[in-house]
PDB file of N, CA and C in Angstrom:
ATOM      1  N   UNK A   1     195.034 -35.850  58.808  1.00  0.00           N
ATOM      2  CA  UNK A   1     193.776 -35.414  59.361  1.00  0.00           C
ATOM      3  C   UNK A   1     193.743 -33.887  59.393  1.00  0.00           C
ATOM      4  N   UNK A   2     192.642 -33.338  58.966  1.00  0.00           N
ATOM      5  CA  UNK A   2     192.507 -31.883  58.919  1.00  0.00           C
ATOM      6  C   UNK A   2     192.351 -31.327  60.329  1.00  0.00           C
ATOM      7  N   UNK A   3     193.156 -30.312  60.640  1.00  0.00           N
ATOM      8  CA  UNK A   3     193.079 -29.668  61.948  1.00  0.00           C
ATOM      9  C   UNK A   3     191.868 -28.740  61.988  1.00  0.00           C
ATOM     10  N   UNK A   4     191.145 -28.733  63.117  1.00  0.00           N
ATOM     11  CA  UNK A   4     190.026 -27.790  63.206  1.00  0.00           C
ATOM     12  C   UNK A   4     190.552 -26.360  63.222  1.00  0.00           C
ATOM     13  N   UNK A   5     189.771 -25.465  62.651  1.00  0.00           N
ATOM     14  CA  UNK A   5     190.199 -24.067  62.648  1.00  0.00           C
ATOM     15  C   UNK A   5     189.689 -23.381  63.900  1.00  0.00           C
ATOM     16  N   UNK A   6     190.490 -22.510  64.426  1.00  0.00           N
ATOM     17  CA  UNK A   6     190.083 -21.708  65.574  1.00  0.00           C
ATOM     18  C   UNK A   6     189.697 -20.339  65.045  1.00  0.00           C
ATOM     19  N   UNK A   7     188.994 -19.552  65.845  1.00  0.00           N
ATOM     20  CA  UNK A   7     188.609 -18.226  65.344  1.00  0.00           C
ATOM     21  C   UNK A   7     189.790 -17.409  64.836  1.00  0.00           C
ATOM     22  N   UNK A   8     190.961 -17.568  65.440  1.00  0.00           N
ATOM     23  CA  UNK A   8     192.105 -16.762  65.010  1.00  0.00           C
ATOM     24  C   UNK A   8     192.737 -17.283  63.727  1.00  0.00           C
ATOM     25  N   UNK A   9     192.502 -18.560  63.392  1.00  0.00           N
ATOM     26  CA  UNK A   9     193.103 -19.107  62.175  1.00  0.00           C
ATOM     27  C   UNK A   9     192.080 -19.394  61.087  1.00  0.00           C
ATOM     28  N   UNK A  10     190.798 -19.202  61.389  1.00  0.00           N
ATOM     29  CA  UNK A  10     189.765 -19.479  60.390  1.00  0.00           C
ATOM     30  C   UNK A  10     189.912 -18.520  59.218  1.00  0.00           C
ATOM     31  N   UNK A  11     189.708 -19.006  57.991  1.00  0.00           N
ATOM     32  CA  UNK A  11     189.786 -18.111  56.837  1.00  0.00           C
ATOM     33  C   UNK A  11     188.700 -17.042  56.914  1.00  0.00           C
ATOM     34  N   UNK A  12     189.018 -15.886  56.396  1.00  0.00           N
ATOM     35  CA  UNK A  12     188.087 -14.755  56.457  1.00  0.00           C
ATOM     36  C   UNK A  12     187.597 -14.432  55.056  1.00  0.00           C
ATOM     37  N   UNK A  13     186.299 -14.345  54.908  1.00  0.00           N
ATOM     38  CA  UNK A  13     185.722 -13.991  53.610  1.00  0.00           C
ATOM     39  C   UNK A  13     185.284 -12.539  53.636  1.00  0.00           C
ATOM     40  N   UNK A  14     185.470 -11.896  52.515  1.00  0.00           N
ATOM     41  CA  UNK A  14     185.033 -10.513  52.356  1.00  0.00           C
ATOM     42  C   UNK A  14     184.024 -10.495  51.217  1.00  0.00           C
ATOM     43  N   UNK A  15     182.856  -9.917  51.452  1.00  0.00           N
ATOM     44  CA  UNK A  15     181.850  -9.812  50.397  1.00  0.00           C
ATOM     45  C   UNK A  15     181.844  -8.389  49.865  1.00  0.00           C
ATOM     46  N   UNK A  16     181.674  -8.256  48.563  1.00  0.00           N
ATOM     47  CA  UNK A  16     181.660  -6.949  47.914  1.00  0.00           C
ATOM     48  C   UNK A  16     180.264  -6.691  47.368  1.00  0.00           C
ATOM     49  N   UNK A  17     179.665  -5.588  47.768  1.00  0.00           N
ATOM     50  CA  UNK A  17     178.310  -5.271  47.337  1.00  0.00           C
ATOM     51  C   UNK A  17     178.260  -3.846  46.815  1.00  0.00           C
ATOM     52  N   UNK A  18     177.945  -3.689  45.549  1.00  0.00           N
ATOM     53  CA  UNK A  18     177.809  -2.355  44.963  1.00  0.00           C
ATOM     54  C   UNK A  18     176.349  -1.951  45.081  1.00  0.00           C
ATOM     55  N   UNK A  19     176.034  -1.167  46.093  1.00  0.00           N
ATOM     56  CA  UNK A  19     174.631  -0.837  46.344  1.00  0.00           C
ATOM     57  C   UNK A  19     174.029   0.072  45.283  1.00  0.00           C
ATOM     58  N   UNK A  20     174.865   0.726  44.492  1.00  0.00           N
ATOM     59  CA  UNK A  20     174.334   1.563  43.413  1.00  0.00           C
ATOM     60  C   UNK A  20     173.722   0.710  42.309  1.00  0.00           C
ATOM     61  N   UNK A  21     174.137  -0.552  42.238  1.00  0.00           N
ATOM     62  CA  UNK A  21     173.668  -1.422  41.161  1.00  0.00           C
ATOM     63  C   UNK A  21     172.715  -2.509  41.643  1.00  0.00           C
ATOM     64  N   UNK A  22     172.413  -2.523  42.945  1.00  0.00           N
ATOM     65  CA  UNK A  22     171.525  -3.549  43.487  1.00  0.00           C
ATOM     66  C   UNK A  22     170.354  -2.856  44.175  1.00  0.00           C
ATOM     67  N   UNK A  23     169.118  -3.173  43.784  1.00  0.00           N
ATOM     68  CA  UNK A  23     167.971  -2.578  44.480  1.00  0.00           C
ATOM     69  C   UNK A  23     168.021  -2.933  45.970  1.00  0.00           C
ATOM     70  N   UNK A  24     167.573  -2.019  46.831  1.00  0.00           N
ATOM     71  CA  UNK A  24     167.668  -2.221  48.283  1.00  0.00           C
ATOM     72  C   UNK A  24     167.114  -3.552  48.760  1.00  0.00           C
ATOM     73  N   UNK A  25     165.943  -3.926  48.284  1.00  0.00           N
ATOM     74  CA  UNK A  25     165.321  -5.167  48.734  1.00  0.00           C
ATOM     75  C   UNK A  25     166.161  -6.374  48.317  1.00  0.00           C
ATOM     76  N   UNK A  26     166.660  -6.344  47.097  1.00  0.00           N
ATOM     77  CA  UNK A  26     167.457  -7.457  46.587  1.00  0.00           C
ATOM     78  C   UNK A  26     168.820  -7.529  47.275  1.00  0.00           C
ATOM     79  N   UNK A  27     169.365  -6.398  47.685  1.00  0.00           N
ATOM     80  CA  UNK A  27     170.696  -6.375  48.301  1.00  0.00           C
ATOM     81  C   UNK A  27     170.740  -7.236  49.553  1.00  0.00           C
ATOM     82  N   UNK A  28     169.714  -7.157  50.392  1.00  0.00           N
ATOM     83  CA  UNK A  28     169.675  -7.969  51.607  1.00  0.00           C
ATOM     84  C   UNK A  28     169.646  -9.452  51.293  1.00  0.00           C
ATOM     85  N   UNK A  29     168.871  -9.834  50.274  1.00  0.00           N
ATOM     86  CA  UNK A  29     168.802 -11.236  49.873  1.00  0.00           C
ATOM     87  C   UNK A  29     170.148 -11.707  49.334  1.00  0.00           C
ATOM     88  N   UNK A  30     170.770 -10.889  48.500  1.00  0.00           N
ATOM     89  CA  UNK A  30     172.080 -11.238  47.941  1.00  0.00           C
ATOM     90  C   UNK A  30     173.109 -11.414  49.049  1.00  0.00           C
ATOM     91  N   UNK A  31     173.079 -10.495  50.007  1.00  0.00           N
ATOM     92  CA  UNK A  31     174.040 -10.549  51.100  1.00  0.00           C
ATOM     93  C   UNK A  31     173.859 -11.839  51.898  1.00  0.00           C
ATOM     94  N   UNK A  32     172.609 -12.229  52.167  1.00  0.00           N
ATOM     95  CA  UNK A  32     172.336 -13.473  52.892  1.00  0.00           C
ATOM     96  C   UNK A  32     172.848 -14.678  52.120  1.00  0.00           C
ATOM     97  N   UNK A  33     172.634 -14.682  50.803  1.00  0.00           N
ATOM     98  CA  UNK A  33     173.105 -15.790  49.968  1.00  0.00           C
ATOM     99  C   UNK A  33     174.623 -15.898  50.021  1.00  0.00           C
ATOM    100  N   UNK A  34     175.300 -14.754  49.953  1.00  0.00           N
ATOM    101  CA  UNK A  34     176.760 -14.758  49.977  1.00  0.00           C
ATOM    102  C   UNK A  34     177.264 -15.265  51.324  1.00  0.00           C
ATOM    103  N   UNK A  35     176.641 -14.820  52.416  1.00  0.00           N
ATOM    104  CA  UNK A  35     177.048 -15.271  53.744  1.00  0.00           C
ATOM    105  C   UNK A  35     176.837 -16.773  53.895  1.00  0.00           C
ATOM    106  N   UNK A  36     175.742 -17.289  53.348  1.00  0.00           N
ATOM    107  CA  UNK A  36     175.482 -18.730  53.401  1.00  0.00           C
ATOM    108  C   UNK A  36     176.525 -19.496  52.607  1.00  0.00           C
ATOM    109  N   UNK A  37     176.862 -18.986  51.428  1.00  0.00           N
ATOM    110  CA  UNK A  37     177.888 -19.642  50.613  1.00  0.00           C
ATOM    111  C   UNK A  37     179.219 -19.638  51.340  1.00  0.00           C
ATOM    112  N   UNK A  38     179.548 -18.546  51.996  1.00  0.00           N
ATOM    113  CA  UNK A  38     180.803 -18.460  52.746  1.00  0.00           C
ATOM    114  C   UNK A  38     180.839 -19.526  53.831  1.00  0.00           C
ATOM    115  N   UNK A  39     179.741 -19.694  54.542  1.00  0.00           N
ATOM    116  CA  UNK A  39     179.682 -20.690  55.610  1.00  0.00           C
ATOM    117  C   UNK A  39     179.862 -22.099  55.044  1.00  0.00           C
ATOM    118  N   UNK A  40     179.261 -22.380  53.883  1.00  0.00           N
ATOM    119  CA  UNK A  40     179.396 -23.708  53.277  1.00  0.00           C
ATOM    120  C   UNK A  40     180.841 -24.031  52.926  1.00  0.00           C
ATOM    121  N   UNK A  41     181.617 -23.012  52.587  1.00  0.00           N
ATOM    122  CA  UNK A  41     183.011 -23.238  52.219  1.00  0.00           C
ATOM    123  C   UNK A  41     183.950 -23.117  53.407  1.00  0.00           C
ATOM    124  N   UNK A  42     183.422 -23.036  54.615  1.00  0.00           N
ATOM    125  CA  UNK A  42     184.253 -23.011  55.800  1.00  0.00           C
ATOM    126  C   UNK A  42     184.712 -21.628  56.223  1.00  0.00           C
ATOM    127  N   UNK A  43     184.133 -20.607  55.634  1.00  0.00           N
ATOM    128  CA  UNK A  43     184.480 -19.250  56.038  1.00  0.00           C
ATOM    129  C   UNK A  43     183.539 -18.815  57.155  1.00  0.00           C
ATOM    130  N   UNK A  44     183.831 -17.680  57.739  1.00  0.00           N
ATOM    131  CA  UNK A  44     182.986 -17.154  58.802  1.00  0.00           C
ATOM    132  C   UNK A  44     181.542 -17.077  58.316  1.00  0.00           C
ATOM    133  N   UNK A  45     180.616 -17.360  59.206  1.00  0.00           N
ATOM    134  CA  UNK A  45     179.210 -17.380  58.798  1.00  0.00           C
ATOM    135  C   UNK A  45     178.763 -16.027  58.256  1.00  0.00           C
ATOM    136  N   UNK A  46     179.258 -14.966  58.845  1.00  0.00           N
ATOM    137  CA  UNK A  46     178.897 -13.631  58.371  1.00  0.00           C
ATOM    138  C   UNK A  46     180.169 -12.896  57.971  1.00  0.00           C
ATOM    139  N   UNK A  47     180.580 -13.037  56.726  1.00  0.00           N
ATOM    140  CA  UNK A  47     181.822 -12.376  56.316  1.00  0.00           C
ATOM    141  C   UNK A  47     181.682 -10.857  56.355  1.00  0.00           C
ATOM    142  N   UNK A  48     182.794 -10.210  56.424  1.00  0.00           N
ATOM    143  CA  UNK A  48     182.811  -8.746  56.320  1.00  0.00           C
ATOM    144  C   UNK A  48     182.208  -8.370  54.971  1.00  0.00           C
ATOM    145  N   UNK A  49     181.320  -7.403  54.959  1.00  0.00           N
ATOM    146  CA  UNK A  49     180.693  -6.973  53.711  1.00  0.00           C
ATOM    147  C   UNK A  49     181.084  -5.528  53.426  1.00  0.00           C
ATOM    148  N   UNK A  50     181.672  -5.293  52.266  1.00  0.00           N
ATOM    149  CA  UNK A  50     181.993  -3.934  51.835  1.00  0.00           C
ATOM    150  C   UNK A  50     180.856  -3.470  50.943  1.00  0.00           C
ATOM    151  N   UNK A  51     180.149  -2.468  51.379  1.00  0.00           N
ATOM    152  CA  UNK A  51     179.070  -1.896  50.569  1.00  0.00           C
ATOM    153  C   UNK A  51     179.569  -0.566  50.033  1.00  0.00           C
ATOM    154  N   UNK A  52     179.519  -0.397  48.742  1.00  0.00           N
ATOM    155  CA  UNK A  52     179.891   0.899  48.196  1.00  0.00           C
ATOM    156  C   UNK A  52     178.811   1.378  47.248  1.00  0.00           C
ATOM    157  N   UNK A  53     178.788   2.651  46.992  1.00  0.00           N
ATOM    158  CA  UNK A  53     177.688   3.260  46.252  1.00  0.00           C
ATOM    159  C   UNK A  53     178.130   3.848  44.929  1.00  0.00           C
ATOM    160  N   UNK A  54     179.171   3.330  44.367  1.00  0.00           N
ATOM    161  CA  UNK A  54     179.672   3.845  43.096  1.00  0.00           C
ATOM    162  C   UNK A  54     179.080   3.035  41.956  1.00  0.00           C
ATOM    163  N   UNK A  55     178.739   3.703  40.880  1.00  0.00           N
ATOM    164  CA  UNK A  55     178.255   3.012  39.697  1.00  0.00           C
ATOM    165  C   UNK A  55     179.423   2.427  38.918  1.00  0.00           C
ATOM    166  N   UNK A  56     179.108   1.760  37.834  1.00  0.00           N
ATOM    167  CA  UNK A  56     180.137   1.098  37.025  1.00  0.00           C
ATOM    168  C   UNK A  56     181.213   2.067  36.545  1.00  0.00           C
ATOM    169  N   UNK A  57     180.818   3.303  36.254  1.00  0.00           N
ATOM    170  CA  UNK A  57     181.783   4.274  35.738  1.00  0.00           C
ATOM    171  C   UNK A  57     182.739   4.793  36.793  1.00  0.00           C
ATOM    172  N   UNK A  58     182.400   4.612  38.067  1.00  0.00           N
ATOM    173  CA  UNK A  58     183.255   5.129  39.133  1.00  0.00           C
ATOM    174  C   UNK A  58     183.794   4.008  40.011  1.00  0.00           C
ATOM    175  N   UNK A  59     183.950   2.831  39.433  1.00  0.00           N
ATOM    176  CA  UNK A  59     184.431   1.690  40.219  1.00  0.00           C
ATOM    177  C   UNK A  59     185.838   1.885  40.772  1.00  0.00           C
ATOM    178  N   UNK A  60     186.782   2.489  40.044  1.00  0.00           N
ATOM    179  CA  UNK A  60     188.128   2.628  40.621  1.00  0.00           C
ATOM    180  C   UNK A  60     188.164   3.271  42.007  1.00  0.00           C
ATOM    181  N   UNK A  61     187.396   4.354  42.295  1.00  0.00           N
ATOM    182  CA  UNK A  61     187.406   4.858  43.671  1.00  0.00           C
ATOM    183  C   UNK A  61     186.901   3.814  44.660  1.00  0.00           C
ATOM    184  N   UNK A  62     185.934   3.011  44.249  1.00  0.00           N
ATOM    185  CA  UNK A  62     185.411   1.975  45.133  1.00  0.00           C
ATOM    186  C   UNK A  62     186.459   0.901  45.390  1.00  0.00           C
ATOM    187  N   UNK A  63     187.321   0.656  44.417  1.00  0.00           N
ATOM    188  CA  UNK A  63     188.372  -0.349  44.588  1.00  0.00           C
ATOM    189  C   UNK A  63     189.238  -0.043  45.792  1.00  0.00           C
ATOM    190  N   UNK A  64     189.529   1.233  46.014  1.00  0.00           N
ATOM    191  CA  UNK A  64     190.349   1.609  47.158  1.00  0.00           C
ATOM    192  C   UNK A  64     189.722   1.162  48.463  1.00  0.00           C
ATOM    193  N   UNK A  65     188.408   1.348  48.574  1.00  0.00           N
ATOM    194  CA  UNK A  65     187.691   0.925  49.780  1.00  0.00           C
ATOM    195  C   UNK A  65     187.711  -0.589  49.916  1.00  0.00           C
ATOM    196  N   UNK A  66     187.496  -1.293  48.807  1.00  0.00           N
ATOM    197  CA  UNK A  66     187.519  -2.753  48.832  1.00  0.00           C
ATOM    198  C   UNK A  66     188.884  -3.246  49.305  1.00  0.00           C
ATOM    199  N   UNK A  67     189.953  -2.708  48.731  1.00  0.00           N
ATOM    200  CA  UNK A  67     191.303  -3.139  49.102  1.00  0.00           C
ATOM    201  C   UNK A  67     191.625  -2.798  50.552  1.00  0.00           C
ATOM    202  N   UNK A  68     191.211  -1.628  50.983  1.00  0.00           N
ATOM    203  CA  UNK A  68     191.470  -1.235  52.377  1.00  0.00           C
ATOM    204  C   UNK A  68     190.823  -2.231  53.335  1.00  0.00           C
ATOM    205  N   UNK A  69     189.590  -2.618  53.047  1.00  0.00           N
ATOM    206  CA  UNK A  69     188.887  -3.570  53.922  1.00  0.00           C
ATOM    207  C   UNK A  69     189.485  -4.967  53.824  1.00  0.00           C
ATOM    208  N   UNK A  70     189.955  -5.373  52.649  1.00  0.00           N
ATOM    209  CA  UNK A  70     190.581  -6.688  52.500  1.00  0.00           C
ATOM    210  C   UNK A  70     191.775  -6.799  53.430  1.00  0.00           C
ATOM    211  N   UNK A  71     192.611  -5.780  53.429  1.00  0.00           N
ATOM    212  CA  UNK A  71     193.801  -5.794  54.282  1.00  0.00           C
ATOM    213  C   UNK A  71     193.399  -5.675  55.749  1.00  0.00           C
ATOM    214  N   UNK A  72     192.424  -4.823  56.038  1.00  0.00           N
ATOM    215  CA  UNK A  72     191.986  -4.594  57.414  1.00  0.00           C
ATOM    216  C   UNK A  72     191.462  -5.861  58.072  1.00  0.00           C
ATOM    217  N   UNK A  73     190.648  -6.627  57.352  1.00  0.00           N
ATOM    218  CA  UNK A  73     190.062  -7.828  57.950  1.00  0.00           C
ATOM    219  C   UNK A  73     190.884  -9.078  57.649  1.00  0.00           C
ATOM    220  N   UNK A  74     192.014  -8.910  56.973  1.00  0.00           N
ATOM    221  CA  UNK A  74     192.899 -10.018  56.617  1.00  0.00           C
ATOM    222  C   UNK A  74     192.145 -11.084  55.822  1.00  0.00           C
ATOM    223  N   UNK A  75     191.424 -10.633  54.817  1.00  0.00           N
ATOM    224  CA  UNK A  75     190.590 -11.536  54.028  1.00  0.00           C
ATOM    225  C   UNK A  75     191.418 -12.545  53.257  1.00  0.00           C
ATOM    226  N   UNK A  76     190.902 -13.767  53.170  1.00  0.00           N
ATOM    227  CA  UNK A  76     191.537 -14.799  52.363  1.00  0.00           C
ATOM    228  C   UNK A  76     190.689 -15.154  51.153  1.00  0.00           C
ATOM    229  N   UNK A  77     189.507 -14.590  51.055  1.00  0.00           N
ATOM    230  CA  UNK A  77     188.648 -14.831  49.894  1.00  0.00           C
ATOM    231  C   UNK A  77     187.754 -13.626  49.687  1.00  0.00           C
ATOM    232  N   UNK A  78     187.362 -13.434  48.457  1.00  0.00           N
ATOM    233  CA  UNK A  78     186.463 -12.334  48.131  1.00  0.00           C
ATOM    234  C   UNK A  78     185.225 -12.917  47.458  1.00  0.00           C
ATOM    235  N   UNK A  79     184.074 -12.612  48.003  1.00  0.00           N
ATOM    236  CA  UNK A  79     182.813 -13.040  47.424  1.00  0.00           C
ATOM    237  C   UNK A  79     182.172 -11.840  46.744  1.00  0.00           C
ATOM    238  N   UNK A  80     181.712 -12.030  45.516  1.00  0.00           N
ATOM    239  CA  UNK A  80     181.007 -10.960  44.820  1.00  0.00           C
ATOM    240  C   UNK A  80     179.674 -11.505  44.341  1.00  0.00           C
ATOM    241  N   UNK A  81     178.603 -10.696  44.351  1.00  0.00           N
ATOM    242  CA  UNK A  81     177.301 -11.201  43.937  1.00  0.00           C
ATOM    243  C   UNK A  81     177.306 -11.719  42.502  1.00  0.00           C
ATOM    244  N   UNK A  82     177.758 -10.934  41.580  1.00  0.00           N
ATOM    245  CA  UNK A  82     177.929 -11.343  40.184  1.00  0.00           C
ATOM    246  C   UNK A  82     178.494 -10.144  39.450  1.00  0.00           C
ATOM    247  N   UNK A  83     178.981 -10.391  38.248  1.00  0.00           N
ATOM    248  CA  UNK A  83     179.675  -9.337  37.495  1.00  0.00           C
ATOM    249  C   UNK A  83     178.820  -8.089  37.323  1.00  0.00           C
ATOM    250  N   UNK A  84     177.516  -8.265  37.105  1.00  0.00           N
ATOM    251  CA  UNK A  84     176.685  -7.088  36.853  1.00  0.00           C
ATOM    252  C   UNK A  84     176.548  -6.186  38.075  1.00  0.00           C
ATOM    253  N   UNK A  85     176.936  -6.656  39.249  1.00  0.00           N
ATOM    254  CA  UNK A  85     176.845  -5.831  40.450  1.00  0.00           C
ATOM    255  C   UNK A  85     178.153  -5.125  40.789  1.00  0.00           C
ATOM    256  N   UNK A  86     179.193  -5.361  40.029  1.00  0.00           N
ATOM    257  CA  UNK A  86     180.475  -4.670  40.261  1.00  0.00           C
ATOM    258  C   UNK A  86     180.996  -4.065  38.966  1.00  0.00           C
ATOM    259  N   UNK A  87     180.096  -3.654  38.101  1.00  0.00           N
ATOM    260  CA  UNK A  87     180.503  -2.969  36.877  1.00  0.00           C
ATOM    261  C   UNK A  87     180.831  -3.893  35.728  1.00  0.00           C
ATOM    262  N   UNK A  88     180.229  -5.076  35.713  1.00  0.00           N
ATOM    263  CA  UNK A  88     180.467  -6.011  34.614  1.00  0.00           C
ATOM    264  C   UNK A  88     181.772  -6.773  34.767  1.00  0.00           C
ATOM    265  N   UNK A  89     182.125  -7.504  33.730  1.00  0.00           N
ATOM    266  CA  UNK A  89     183.337  -8.328  33.756  1.00  0.00           C
ATOM    267  C   UNK A  89     184.561  -7.455  33.973  1.00  0.00           C
ATOM    268  N   UNK A  90     184.540  -6.233  33.444  1.00  0.00           N
ATOM    269  CA  UNK A  90     185.670  -5.319  33.650  1.00  0.00           C
ATOM    270  C   UNK A  90     185.832  -5.010  35.136  1.00  0.00           C
ATOM    271  N   UNK A  91     184.719  -4.851  35.844  1.00  0.00           N
ATOM    272  CA  UNK A  91     184.775  -4.605  37.285  1.00  0.00           C
ATOM    273  C   UNK A  91     185.345  -5.789  38.036  1.00  0.00           C
ATOM    274  N   UNK A  92     184.924  -6.989  37.656  1.00  0.00           N
ATOM    275  CA  UNK A  92     185.455  -8.203  38.283  1.00  0.00           C
ATOM    276  C   UNK A  92     186.961  -8.272  38.078  1.00  0.00           C
ATOM    277  N   UNK A  93     187.400  -8.037  36.844  1.00  0.00           N
ATOM    278  CA  UNK A  93     188.835  -8.112  36.551  1.00  0.00           C
ATOM    279  C   UNK A  93     189.617  -7.049  37.303  1.00  0.00           C
ATOM    280  N   UNK A  94     189.044  -5.846  37.404  1.00  0.00           N
ATOM    281  CA  UNK A  94     189.741  -4.793  38.157  1.00  0.00           C
ATOM    282  C   UNK A  94     189.891  -5.181  39.620  1.00  0.00           C
ATOM    283  N   UNK A  95     188.835  -5.728  40.200  1.00  0.00           N
ATOM    284  CA  UNK A  95     188.907  -6.144  41.602  1.00  0.00           C
ATOM    285  C   UNK A  95     189.904  -7.290  41.757  1.00  0.00           C
ATOM    286  N   UNK A  96     189.828  -8.288  40.878  1.00  0.00           N
ATOM    287  CA  UNK A  96     190.761  -9.418  40.971  1.00  0.00           C
ATOM    288  C   UNK A  96     192.202  -8.955  40.831  1.00  0.00           C
ATOM    289  N   UNK A  97     192.479  -8.135  39.827  1.00  0.00           N
ATOM    290  CA  UNK A  97     193.851  -7.659  39.621  1.00  0.00           C
ATOM    291  C   UNK A  97     194.334  -6.836  40.801  1.00  0.00           C
ATOM    292  N   UNK A  98     193.462  -6.009  41.337  1.00  0.00           N
ATOM    293  CA  UNK A  98     193.854  -5.182  42.475  1.00  0.00           C
ATOM    294  C   UNK A  98     194.166  -6.043  43.693  1.00  0.00           C
ATOM    295  N   UNK A  99     193.330  -7.048  43.951  1.00  0.00           N
ATOM    296  CA  UNK A  99     193.561  -7.921  45.103  1.00  0.00           C
ATOM    297  C   UNK A  99     194.837  -8.729  44.909  1.00  0.00           C
ATOM    298  N   UNK A 100     195.019  -9.277  43.709  1.00  0.00           N
ATOM    299  CA  UNK A 100     196.219 -10.068  43.444  1.00  0.00           C
ATOM    300  C   UNK A 100     197.468  -9.203  43.535  1.00  0.00           C
ATOM    301  N   UNK A 101     197.310  -7.898  43.287  1.00  0.00           N
ATOM    302  CA  UNK A 101     198.456  -7.001  43.350  1.00  0.00           C
ATOM    303  C   UNK A 101     198.828  -6.601  44.767  1.00  0.00           C
ATOM    304  N   UNK A 102     197.981  -6.923  45.743  1.00  0.00           N
ATOM    305  CA  UNK A 102     198.334  -6.609  47.125  1.00  0.00           C
ATOM    306  C   UNK A 102     199.363  -7.616  47.585  1.00  0.00           C
ATOM    307  N   UNK A 103     200.210  -7.217  48.477  1.00  0.00           N
ATOM    308  CA  UNK A 103     201.324  -8.066  48.860  1.00  0.00           C
ATOM    309  C   UNK A 103     201.184  -8.855  50.148  1.00  0.00           C
ATOM    310  N   UNK A 104     200.345  -8.485  51.107  1.00  0.00           N
ATOM    311  CA  UNK A 104     200.325  -9.266  52.345  1.00  0.00           C
ATOM    312  C   UNK A 104     199.999 -10.729  52.065  1.00  0.00           C
ATOM    313  N   UNK A 105     200.819 -11.675  52.535  1.00  0.00           N
ATOM    314  CA  UNK A 105     200.575 -13.086  52.262  1.00  0.00           C
ATOM    315  C   UNK A 105     199.183 -13.531  52.687  1.00  0.00           C
ATOM    316  N   UNK A 106     198.654 -12.921  53.730  1.00  0.00           N
ATOM    317  CA  UNK A 106     197.329 -13.337  54.199  1.00  0.00           C
ATOM    318  C   UNK A 106     196.260 -13.084  53.148  1.00  0.00           C
ATOM    319  N   UNK A 107     196.488 -12.114  52.264  1.00  0.00           N
ATOM    320  CA  UNK A 107     195.514 -11.841  51.215  1.00  0.00           C
ATOM    321  C   UNK A 107     195.769 -12.749  50.028  1.00  0.00           C
ATOM    322  N   UNK A 108     197.016 -12.967  49.706  1.00  0.00           N
ATOM    323  CA  UNK A 108     197.318 -13.700  48.487  1.00  0.00           C
ATOM    324  C   UNK A 108     197.280 -15.208  48.605  1.00  0.00           C
ATOM    325  N   UNK A 109     196.657 -15.702  49.609  1.00  0.00           N
ATOM    326  CA  UNK A 109     196.386 -17.149  49.636  1.00  0.00           C
ATOM    327  C   UNK A 109     195.114 -17.435  48.900  1.00  0.00           C
ATOM    328  N   UNK A 110     194.531 -16.802  48.612  1.00  0.00           N
ATOM    329  CA  UNK A 110     194.147 -15.509  48.220  1.00  0.00           C
ATOM    330  C   UNK A 110     193.607 -15.579  46.824  1.00  0.00           C
ATOM    331  N   UNK A 111     193.159 -14.562  46.345  1.00  0.00           N
ATOM    332  CA  UNK A 111     192.625 -14.635  45.021  1.00  0.00           C
ATOM    333  C   UNK A 111     191.670 -15.786  44.879  1.00  0.00           C
ATOM    334  N   UNK A 112     190.976 -16.150  45.950  1.00  0.00           N
ATOM    335  CA  UNK A 112     189.929 -17.153  45.832  1.00  0.00           C
ATOM    336  C   UNK A 112     188.649 -16.365  45.633  1.00  0.00           C
ATOM    337  N   UNK A 113     188.137 -16.410  44.419  1.00  0.00           N
ATOM    338  CA  UNK A 113     186.965 -15.597  44.108  1.00  0.00           C
ATOM    339  C   UNK A 113     185.765 -16.502  43.864  1.00  0.00           C
ATOM    340  N   UNK A 114     184.706 -16.262  44.575  1.00  0.00           N
ATOM    341  CA  UNK A 114     183.466 -16.984  44.346  1.00  0.00           C
ATOM    342  C   UNK A 114     182.398 -15.964  43.975  1.00  0.00           C
ATOM    343  N   UNK A 115     181.398 -16.435  43.264  1.00  0.00           N
ATOM    344  CA  UNK A 115     180.216 -15.608  43.065  1.00  0.00           C
ATOM    345  C   UNK A 115     179.050 -16.386  43.633  1.00  0.00           C
ATOM    346  N   UNK A 116     177.915 -15.741  43.795  1.00  0.00           N
ATOM    347  CA  UNK A 116     176.790 -16.435  44.412  1.00  0.00           C
ATOM    348  C   UNK A 116     176.260 -17.556  43.528  1.00  0.00           C
ATOM    349  N   UNK A 117     176.669 -17.612  42.268  1.00  0.00           N
ATOM    350  CA  UNK A 117     176.224 -18.708  41.411  1.00  0.00           C
ATOM    351  C   UNK A 117     177.345 -19.720  41.182  1.00  0.00           C
ATOM    352  N   UNK A 118     178.376 -19.701  42.037  1.00  0.00           N
ATOM    353  CA  UNK A 118     179.494 -20.626  41.870  1.00  0.00           C
ATOM    354  C   UNK A 118     179.224 -21.966  42.538  1.00  0.00           C
ATOM    355  N   UNK A 119     178.124 -22.087  43.236  1.00  0.00           N
ATOM    356  CA  UNK A 119     177.808 -23.344  43.909  1.00  0.00           C
ATOM    357  C   UNK A 119     176.362 -23.712  43.627  1.00  0.00           C
ATOM    358  N   UNK A 120     176.110 -25.023  43.586  1.00  0.00           N
ATOM    359  CA  UNK A 120     174.725 -25.442  43.412  1.00  0.00           C
ATOM    360  C   UNK A 120     174.047 -25.459  44.786  1.00  0.00           C
ATOM    361  N   UNK A 121     172.841 -25.953  44.853  1.00  0.00           N
ATOM    362  CA  UNK A 121     172.091 -25.921  46.105  1.00  0.00           C
ATOM    363  C   UNK A 121     172.743 -26.731  47.219  1.00  0.00           C
ATOM    364  N   UNK A 122     173.553 -27.732  46.861  1.00  0.00           N
ATOM    365  CA  UNK A 122     174.222 -28.548  47.871  1.00  0.00           C
ATOM    366  C   UNK A 122     175.523 -27.922  48.345  1.00  0.00           C
ATOM    367  N   UNK A 123     175.885 -26.775  47.793  1.00  0.00           N
ATOM    368  CA  UNK A 123     177.098 -26.111  48.228  1.00  0.00           C
ATOM    369  C   UNK A 123     178.355 -26.612  47.549  1.00  0.00           C
ATOM    370  N   UNK A 124     178.220 -27.410  46.493  1.00  0.00           N
ATOM    371  CA  UNK A 124     179.404 -27.913  45.789  1.00  0.00           C
ATOM    372  C   UNK A 124     179.810 -26.941  44.705  1.00  0.00           C
ATOM    373  N   UNK A 125     181.124 -26.841  44.480  1.00  0.00           N
ATOM    374  CA  UNK A 125     181.605 -25.979  43.395  1.00  0.00           C
ATOM    375  C   UNK A 125     181.189 -26.569  42.069  1.00  0.00           C
ATOM    376  N   UNK A 126     180.851 -25.715  41.109  1.00  0.00           N
ATOM    377  CA  UNK A 126     180.534 -26.180  39.766  1.00  0.00           C
ATOM    378  C   UNK A 126     181.784 -26.169  38.938  1.00  0.00           C
TER     379      UNK A 126
END
């Protein structure tokens, strides 16, 4: 039988939002979608959201902020809106590699990456 999670043991989701690549109006909608997806998968209803303002060409400096917040909030999953919002597939790979390269066990349970299109309307993984 699955044990209920308590606030101290509940998995923590971290959302990554590149505001330089998302129009302001759309960013709020994307953030809401990501938070809803996190809740469907048993993560906190409102995951920590890292908003950075670097374009695709300056993603490496943004990676430092993403990693710092992952460790700070003890994230067990990273939600990203989609590849085009983090500098394309190269941005996704850089973020994934950087997260996988971190050593705290709490992060490396880890490397659970979802995007806002990873679930259908019923919340099931595709």
